[in-house]
Amino acid sequence: MATIGQNTKSKFVFNWREEEAKHEPGSAFELTDKVANQLFKSIPGSSISNVPRRTSKVTVVGVGNVGMACAQTILTQDLCDELALVDVVEEKLKGEMLDLQHAAAFLPRSKILADTDYKVTADSDICIVTAGARQREGESRLALVEKNVSLFKKIIPQLVKHSPDTILLIISNPVDALTYVAYKLSGLPPNRVIGSGTNLDSSRFRWLLADHLDVNAQNVHGYIVGEHGDSSVPLWSSVSVGGIPIISYLKQRHIDYNPDTLSELHRIVVDGAYEVIKLKGYTSWAIGYSVASLVKSVLRDQRRIHPVSVCSQGFHGIKDQAYLSLPAEIGRSGIIGVMDSPLTDEEREQLQKSAKTMAEIQKKLDI
């Protein structure tokens, strides 16, 4: 029996990874490898690293309503050791920094910095970009993208210069097009440039279904994919509640449902942001929590699956280098793999149409 002070080494009673090689072909271990290799596919050009870091630093560019909601949520969830804020409006920037610093007694310990100089972002694990012009009434999406491209040409190179190993998380709208812009400007591998995409849309989707069924939204699983916008695609074929696929359940029980009802629910999801903006002038809290969930998945290597904006070329028959949302496994290296979700013919056709829409916009950009 070991005595106090005696050097002892902890030992696993069973380590399945070490035992894996001892199992014959056809074993559960071999099957899990095959499933994992088929279910998730890396984006071509990805650079995956498993080297852990002991401290974490997050940068938020833009201290508007969205940027500060992201910063506040990240701090309250104790997701970083250091937070850097960047903006061009010096007084506003300093005021937001001080306001957060004054809450130090009520928050987990984090160092909070702010500056108009991007040097403050040095060695960031994640750089969150929320800065960007808002779409005006009557303004085309292309015009908005072009306006924000000019801004991104100033932001992205500076972030990568001071944090060459960072992961870029793009929140600014139109998020899919700007994620593509950030990828092109940064020179980073595609797994390290992520757009928030339909992560929030999918949360709205799950909440709406949960509200109708009177269950917890965490027991509802389903994704909105494609463009973060009007051409997004709800994957009804894989929606489940408590592990029960809803559409299959309705068919098995011979319960009639109207496809128009499903379209109506999707429309409510798409219009959700417009409704909030109409009522309070902007969206902030939901996107803040959405971003925090992505930051947590990265920094804690949780390998959770999020529908985020990625390079979709080669997935589901998409031929263009279009950026749009697909369910992806996210960890310390960014996007570890994109899930090869089974789609119906209709869903695949809608997704490909969404990709073509994004590809046309991307081709017109000056980058």
Protein backbone atom coordinates (compact mmCIF):
# COMPACT_ATOMS: atom_id res chain seq x y z
CA MET A 1 0.00 0.00 0.00
CA ALA A 2 1.37 3.44 -0.95
CA THR A 3 2.26 5.77 1.92
CA ILE A 4 1.92 9.52 2.01
CA GLY A 5 4.75 11.17 0.10
CA GLN A 6 5.60 8.03 -1.85
CA ASN A 7 5.77 8.56 -5.61
CA THR A 8 2.79 6.88 -7.19
CA LYS A 9 1.59 6.91 -10.77
CA SER A 10 -2.08 6.90 -11.64
CA LYS A 11 -3.13 4.05 -13.87
CA PHE A 12 -6.12 3.65 -16.16
CA VAL A 13 -8.10 0.53 -15.40
CA PHE A 14 -8.98 0.37 -19.10
CA ASN A 15 -7.84 2.57 -21.96
CA TRP A 16 -9.84 1.59 -25.05
CA ARG A 17 -7.50 3.44 -27.39
CA GLU A 18 -4.58 1.25 -26.28
CA GLU A 19 -6.71 -1.87 -26.47
CA GLU A 20 -8.01 -1.01 -29.95
CA ALA A 21 -5.14 -2.68 -31.79
CA LYS A 22 -5.86 -5.97 -30.04
CA HIS A 23 -9.34 -6.29 -31.51
CA GLU A 24 -10.01 -8.16 -34.69
CA PRO A 25 -11.54 -6.67 -37.86
CA GLY A 26 -15.26 -6.18 -37.45
CA SER A 27 -14.97 -5.10 -33.82
CA ALA A 28 -16.77 -2.09 -32.37
CA PHE A 29 -13.45 -0.23 -32.31
CA GLU A 30 -12.90 -0.68 -36.03
CA LEU A 31 -16.51 0.33 -36.71
CA THR A 32 -16.19 3.59 -34.75
CA ASP A 33 -13.10 4.52 -36.77
CA LYS A 34 -14.92 3.85 -40.03
CA VAL A 35 -17.94 5.90 -38.95
CA ALA A 36 -15.80 8.81 -37.75
CA ASN A 37 -13.81 8.85 -40.99
CA GLN A 38 -17.00 8.86 -43.07
CA LEU A 39 -19.12 11.17 -40.93
CA PHE A 40 -16.67 14.06 -40.80
CA LYS A 41 -14.51 15.28 -43.66
CA SER A 42 -11.77 17.87 -43.40
CA ILE A 43 -11.90 20.97 -45.55
CA PRO A 44 -9.14 20.76 -48.19
CA GLY A 45 -6.11 22.81 -47.11
CA SER A 46 -6.89 22.55 -43.39
CA SER A 47 -4.13 22.64 -40.80
CA ILE A 48 -5.06 20.71 -37.64
CA SER A 49 -2.98 21.03 -34.48
CA ASN A 50 -3.51 19.29 -31.13
CA VAL A 51 -1.00 21.36 -29.15
CA PRO A 52 -2.82 22.77 -26.06
CA ARG A 53 -2.32 26.23 -24.56
CA ARG A 54 -2.63 26.94 -20.87
CA THR A 55 -3.97 30.47 -21.18
CA SER A 56 -6.50 31.93 -23.58
CA LYS A 57 -6.88 35.37 -25.12
CA VAL A 58 -9.89 36.62 -27.06
CA THR A 59 -10.11 39.78 -29.17
CA VAL A 60 -13.36 41.51 -30.07
CA VAL A 61 -13.19 44.02 -32.94
CA GLY A 62 -16.07 46.49 -32.75
CA VAL A 63 -17.63 47.65 -29.47
CA GLY A 64 -21.15 48.22 -30.71
CA ASN A 65 -24.18 46.39 -29.30
CA VAL A 66 -23.18 43.04 -30.81
CA GLY A 67 -19.51 43.31 -29.91
CA MET A 68 -20.21 44.17 -26.29
CA ALA A 69 -22.84 41.44 -25.96
CA CYS A 70 -20.17 38.98 -27.15
CA ALA A 71 -17.57 40.40 -24.75
CA GLN A 72 -19.93 40.41 -21.78
CA THR A 73 -21.13 36.86 -22.36
CA ILE A 74 -17.59 35.54 -22.82
CA LEU A 75 -16.50 37.17 -19.56
CA THR A 76 -19.45 35.94 -17.50
CA GLN A 77 -18.91 32.39 -18.77
CA ASP A 78 -15.21 32.53 -17.79
CA LEU A 79 -13.99 31.61 -21.27
CA CYS A 80 -10.77 33.64 -21.43
CA ASP A 81 -7.91 34.88 -19.29
CA GLU A 82 -7.49 38.04 -21.34
CA LEU A 83 -9.93 40.08 -23.40
CA ALA A 84 -8.85 42.73 -25.89
CA LEU A 85 -11.27 45.27 -27.36
CA VAL A 86 -10.56 47.22 -30.55
CA ASP A 87 -12.51 50.04 -32.17
CA VAL A 88 -11.85 53.29 -34.03
CA VAL A 89 -13.95 55.42 -31.64
CA GLU A 90 -11.51 56.00 -28.79
CA GLU A 91 -13.88 57.46 -26.16
CA LYS A 92 -16.52 54.80 -26.67
CA LEU A 93 -13.83 52.12 -26.54
CA LYS A 94 -12.35 53.41 -23.29
CA GLY A 95 -15.80 53.76 -21.74
CA GLU A 96 -16.74 50.16 -22.54
CA MET A 97 -13.41 48.90 -21.19
CA LEU A 98 -13.83 50.78 -17.91
CA ASP A 99 -17.44 49.66 -17.55
CA LEU A 100 -16.35 46.01 -17.76
CA GLN A 101 -13.31 46.53 -15.53
CA HIS A 102 -15.53 48.06 -12.82
CA ALA A 103 -17.42 44.75 -12.66
CA ALA A 104 -14.25 42.85 -11.73
CA ALA A 105 -15.54 41.97 -8.25
CA PHE A 106 -18.52 40.17 -9.78
CA LEU A 107 -16.74 38.37 -12.64
CA PRO A 108 -14.18 35.56 -13.00
CA ARG A 109 -10.69 37.08 -13.08
CA SER A 110 -9.79 38.25 -16.58
CA LYS A 111 -7.48 40.96 -17.85
CA ILE A 112 -9.38 43.48 -19.97
CA LEU A 113 -7.53 45.68 -22.45
CA ALA A 114 -8.65 48.13 -25.10
CA ASP A 115 -6.92 50.18 -27.78
CA THR A 116 -7.35 51.60 -31.26
CA ASP A 117 -3.98 50.03 -32.08
CA TYR A 118 -4.11 46.37 -33.11
CA LYS A 119 -0.97 45.65 -31.11
CA VAL A 120 -3.31 45.06 -28.17
CA THR A 121 -4.61 41.94 -29.95
CA ALA A 122 -1.21 40.20 -30.07
CA ASP A 123 -1.24 36.43 -29.47
CA SER A 124 -5.02 36.09 -29.50
CA ASP A 125 -6.40 32.57 -29.71
CA ILE A 126 -9.61 33.85 -31.26
CA CYS A 127 -10.32 37.17 -32.99
CA ILE A 128 -14.03 37.98 -33.20
CA VAL A 129 -14.96 40.55 -35.84
CA THR A 130 -18.26 42.35 -35.28
CA ALA A 131 -17.34 45.65 -36.94
CA GLY A 132 -19.13 46.60 -40.12
CA ALA A 133 -21.57 48.93 -41.79
CA ARG A 134 -25.28 48.25 -41.36
CA GLN A 135 -27.58 47.69 -44.28
CA ARG A 136 -29.67 50.74 -45.04
CA GLU A 137 -33.21 50.63 -46.31
CA GLY A 138 -33.17 50.02 -50.07
CA GLU A 139 -29.45 49.15 -50.10
CA SER A 140 -28.55 45.96 -51.96
CA ARG A 141 -26.67 43.19 -50.18
CA LEU A 142 -23.85 43.45 -52.72
CA ALA A 143 -23.44 47.17 -51.96
CA LEU A 144 -23.27 46.38 -48.26
CA VAL A 145 -20.66 43.67 -48.80
CA GLU A 146 -18.49 45.96 -50.92
CA LYS A 147 -18.64 48.63 -48.23
CA ASN A 148 -17.51 46.13 -45.60
CA VAL A 149 -14.79 44.67 -47.83
CA SER A 150 -12.99 48.01 -47.60
CA LEU A 151 -13.24 47.84 -43.82
CA PHE A 152 -12.05 44.23 -43.68
CA LYS A 153 -8.97 45.14 -45.73
CA LYS A 154 -7.92 47.28 -42.77
CA ILE A 155 -8.93 44.84 -40.04
CA ILE A 156 -8.02 41.30 -41.12
CA PRO A 157 -4.35 41.80 -42.10
CA GLN A 158 -3.70 43.58 -38.79
CA LEU A 159 -5.24 40.77 -36.76
CA VAL A 160 -3.22 38.09 -38.55
CA LYS A 161 -0.04 40.17 -38.34
CA HIS A 162 -0.22 40.26 -34.54
CA SER A 163 -1.78 36.81 -34.07
CA PRO A 164 -0.61 34.53 -36.90
CA ASP A 165 -1.91 31.42 -35.12
CA THR A 166 -5.35 32.83 -34.36
CA ILE A 167 -8.77 31.59 -35.36
CA LEU A 168 -10.94 34.23 -37.01
CA LEU A 169 -14.61 34.25 -36.03
CA ILE A 170 -16.65 36.52 -38.30
CA ILE A 171 -19.95 37.92 -37.03
CA SER A 172 -20.38 41.00 -39.26
CA ASN A 173 -23.11 40.78 -41.89
CA PRO A 174 -23.53 39.57 -44.55
CA VAL A 175 -21.62 36.94 -42.61
CA ASP A 176 -21.16 34.32 -45.34
CA ALA A 177 -19.68 36.71 -47.89
CA LEU A 178 -17.51 38.41 -45.27
CA THR A 179 -16.20 35.07 -44.00
CA TYR A 180 -15.05 34.38 -47.55
CA VAL A 181 -13.46 37.85 -47.64
CA ALA A 182 -11.68 37.21 -44.32
CA TYR A 183 -10.38 33.87 -45.61
CA LYS A 184 -8.98 35.48 -48.77
CA LEU A 185 -7.42 38.43 -46.93
CA SER A 186 -5.97 36.45 -44.03
CA GLY A 187 -4.04 33.71 -45.82
CA LEU A 188 -5.05 31.36 -42.99
CA PRO A 189 -6.05 27.75 -43.68
CA PRO A 190 -9.83 27.42 -44.15
CA ASN A 191 -10.40 25.55 -40.88
CA ARG A 192 -9.25 28.65 -38.97
CA VAL A 193 -11.70 31.09 -40.55
CA ILE A 194 -15.24 30.56 -39.25
CA GLY A 195 -18.43 32.54 -39.79
CA SER A 196 -21.17 32.51 -37.14
CA GLY A 197 -23.49 31.59 -40.00
CA THR A 198 -26.72 29.86 -39.02
CA ASN A 199 -25.65 28.94 -35.49
CA LEU A 200 -28.14 31.48 -34.15
CA ASP A 201 -30.76 30.65 -36.81
CA SER A 202 -30.61 27.03 -35.64
CA SER A 203 -31.09 28.13 -32.03
CA ARG A 204 -34.17 30.11 -33.06
CA PHE A 205 -35.36 27.04 -34.94
CA ARG A 206 -34.94 24.76 -31.92
CA TRP A 207 -36.58 27.29 -29.58
CA LEU A 208 -39.58 27.64 -31.87
CA LEU A 209 -40.11 23.87 -32.10
CA ALA A 210 -39.56 23.49 -28.34
CA ASP A 211 -42.07 26.25 -27.64
CA HIS A 212 -44.69 24.56 -29.84
CA LEU A 213 -44.08 21.15 -28.24
CA ASP A 214 -43.61 22.52 -24.70
CA VAL A 215 -40.24 20.85 -24.14
CA ASN A 216 -36.74 22.10 -23.35
CA ALA A 217 -34.94 23.45 -26.44
CA GLN A 218 -31.86 21.41 -25.48
CA ASN A 219 -33.89 18.25 -26.24
CA VAL A 220 -34.72 19.48 -29.73
CA HIS A 221 -32.07 18.84 -32.38
CA GLY A 222 -32.18 20.34 -35.82
CA TYR A 223 -30.18 22.56 -38.13
CA ILE A 224 -30.72 25.48 -40.43
CA VAL A 225 -27.99 25.38 -43.11
CA GLY A 226 -27.03 27.35 -46.19
CA GLU A 227 -27.03 31.13 -46.33
CA HIS A 228 -27.58 33.16 -43.18
CA GLY A 229 -30.56 34.84 -44.77
CA ASP A 230 -33.60 34.30 -46.94
CA SER A 231 -32.23 31.28 -48.85
CA SER A 232 -31.36 29.28 -45.72
CA VAL A 233 -32.45 25.64 -45.64
CA PRO A 234 -34.13 23.88 -42.69
CA LEU A 235 -33.10 20.21 -42.52
CA TRP A 236 -36.51 18.86 -41.58
CA SER A 237 -35.49 15.32 -42.46
CA SER A 238 -33.10 15.17 -39.49
CA VAL A 239 -35.08 17.16 -36.88
CA SER A 240 -35.54 15.12 -33.71
CA VAL A 241 -37.09 15.60 -30.29
CA GLY A 242 -35.71 13.43 -27.52
CA GLY A 243 -34.01 11.29 -30.17
CA ILE A 244 -37.23 10.73 -32.16
CA PRO A 245 -37.07 11.91 -35.81
CA ILE A 246 -40.18 14.08 -36.13
CA ILE A 247 -41.00 13.71 -39.83
CA SER A 248 -40.48 9.92 -39.78
CA TYR A 249 -42.61 9.72 -36.63
CA LEU A 250 -45.48 11.60 -38.27
CA LYS A 251 -45.35 9.29 -41.29
CA GLN A 252 -45.18 6.12 -39.20
CA ARG A 253 -48.17 7.20 -37.11
CA HIS A 254 -50.06 8.33 -40.22
CA ILE A 255 -50.36 11.85 -38.83
CA ASP A 256 -51.10 14.29 -41.61
CA TYR A 257 -49.06 17.47 -41.74
CA ASN A 258 -49.07 20.34 -44.18
CA PRO A 259 -45.70 21.19 -45.80
CA ASP A 260 -46.88 24.81 -45.80
CA THR A 261 -46.83 24.68 -41.99
CA LEU A 262 -43.16 23.71 -42.08
CA SER A 263 -42.47 26.57 -44.50
CA GLU A 264 -44.27 28.95 -42.15
CA LEU A 265 -42.13 27.86 -39.21
CA HIS A 266 -38.98 28.41 -41.28
CA ARG A 267 -40.20 31.86 -42.29
CA ILE A 268 -40.68 32.78 -38.63
CA VAL A 269 -37.06 31.76 -38.00
CA VAL A 270 -35.78 33.83 -40.95
CA ASP A 271 -37.82 36.86 -39.87
CA GLY A 272 -36.77 36.51 -36.22
CA ALA A 273 -33.91 39.00 -36.43
CA TYR A 274 -36.05 41.51 -38.34
CA GLU A 275 -38.69 41.31 -35.63
CA VAL A 276 -36.17 41.99 -32.86
CA ILE A 277 -34.64 44.89 -34.82
CA LYS A 278 -38.09 46.35 -35.40
CA LEU A 279 -38.90 46.18 -31.69
CA LYS A 280 -35.60 47.23 -30.04
CA GLY A 281 -33.52 48.59 -32.91
CA TYR A 282 -30.84 45.88 -32.99
CA THR A 283 -30.07 42.29 -31.98
CA SER A 284 -27.47 41.58 -29.34
CA TRP A 285 -28.07 39.06 -26.56
CA ALA A 286 -28.86 36.00 -28.66
CA ILE A 287 -25.87 36.53 -30.95
CA GLY A 288 -23.73 37.11 -27.85
CA TYR A 289 -24.68 33.70 -26.48
CA SER A 290 -24.25 32.13 -29.92
CA VAL A 291 -20.71 33.49 -30.19
CA ALA A 292 -19.88 32.40 -26.64
CA SER A 293 -20.94 28.85 -27.51
CA LEU A 294 -18.52 28.86 -30.46
CA VAL A 295 -15.70 30.32 -28.36
CA LYS A 296 -16.26 27.65 -25.71
CA SER A 297 -16.16 24.87 -28.31
CA VAL A 298 -12.84 26.18 -29.63
CA LEU A 299 -10.98 27.08 -26.44
CA ARG A 300 -12.11 24.02 -24.48
CA ASP A 301 -11.77 21.71 -27.48
CA GLN A 302 -15.31 20.49 -26.93
CA ARG A 303 -15.72 19.19 -30.49
CA ARG A 304 -19.36 20.15 -30.49
CA ILE A 305 -21.23 20.35 -33.78
CA HIS A 306 -22.32 23.83 -34.86
CA PRO A 307 -23.85 24.99 -38.15
CA VAL A 308 -21.28 27.62 -39.13
CA SER A 309 -20.17 29.32 -42.32
CA VAL A 310 -17.40 27.32 -44.00
CA CYS A 311 -16.04 26.68 -47.48
CA SER A 312 -18.73 24.35 -48.83
CA GLN A 313 -16.99 23.32 -52.04
CA GLY A 314 -17.05 19.55 -52.46
CA PHE A 315 -19.86 18.96 -49.98
CA HIS A 316 -23.33 17.85 -51.10
CA GLY A 317 -22.48 18.34 -54.77
CA ILE A 318 -21.50 22.02 -54.37
CA LYS A 319 -18.95 22.93 -57.04
CA ASP A 320 -18.29 26.59 -56.22
CA GLN A 321 -15.99 27.85 -53.47
CA ALA A 322 -19.01 29.30 -51.73
CA TYR A 323 -19.11 30.06 -48.03
CA LEU A 324 -22.29 29.01 -46.27
CA SER A 325 -23.31 27.11 -43.17
CA LEU A 326 -22.96 23.37 -42.70
CA PRO A 327 -22.86 21.34 -39.46
CA ALA A 328 -19.20 21.25 -38.43
CA GLU A 329 -17.21 19.75 -35.58
CA ILE A 330 -15.41 22.56 -33.77
CA GLY A 331 -12.43 22.28 -31.45
CA ARG A 332 -9.05 23.80 -30.63
CA SER A 333 -7.95 23.80 -34.29
CA GLY A 334 -11.13 25.49 -35.45
CA ILE A 335 -13.16 23.41 -37.88
CA ILE A 336 -12.04 19.83 -37.41
CA GLY A 337 -14.43 18.40 -39.97
CA VAL A 338 -17.71 19.06 -41.77
CA MET A 339 -20.47 16.59 -41.07
CA ASP A 340 -21.66 14.60 -44.05
CA SER A 341 -25.34 15.03 -43.16
CA PRO A 342 -27.85 12.88 -45.06
CA LEU A 343 -30.10 15.22 -47.08
CA THR A 344 -33.25 14.67 -49.06
CA ASP A 345 -33.12 15.52 -52.76
CA GLU A 346 -35.13 18.68 -52.09
CA GLU A 347 -32.81 19.79 -49.27
CA ARG A 348 -29.74 19.15 -51.41
CA GLU A 349 -31.23 21.12 -54.29
CA GLN A 350 -32.07 24.07 -52.00
CA LEU A 351 -28.57 24.00 -50.50
CA GLN A 352 -26.94 24.00 -53.93
CA LYS A 353 -29.15 26.93 -54.94
CA SER A 354 -28.08 28.79 -51.79
CA ALA A 355 -24.43 28.09 -52.67
CA LYS A 356 -24.88 29.49 -56.18
CA THR A 357 -26.39 32.67 -54.71
CA MET A 358 -23.34 33.13 -52.48
CA ALA A 359 -20.87 32.25 -55.25
CA GLU A 360 -22.32 34.95 -57.52
CA ILE A 361 -21.86 37.58 -54.82
CA GLN A 362 -18.31 36.42 -54.06
CA LYS A 363 -17.27 36.64 -57.72
CA LYS A 364 -18.18 40.34 -57.82
CA LEU A 365 -16.05 41.30 -54.82
CA ASP A 366 -12.83 43.29 -55.19
CA ILE A 367 -10.40 41.16 -53.17
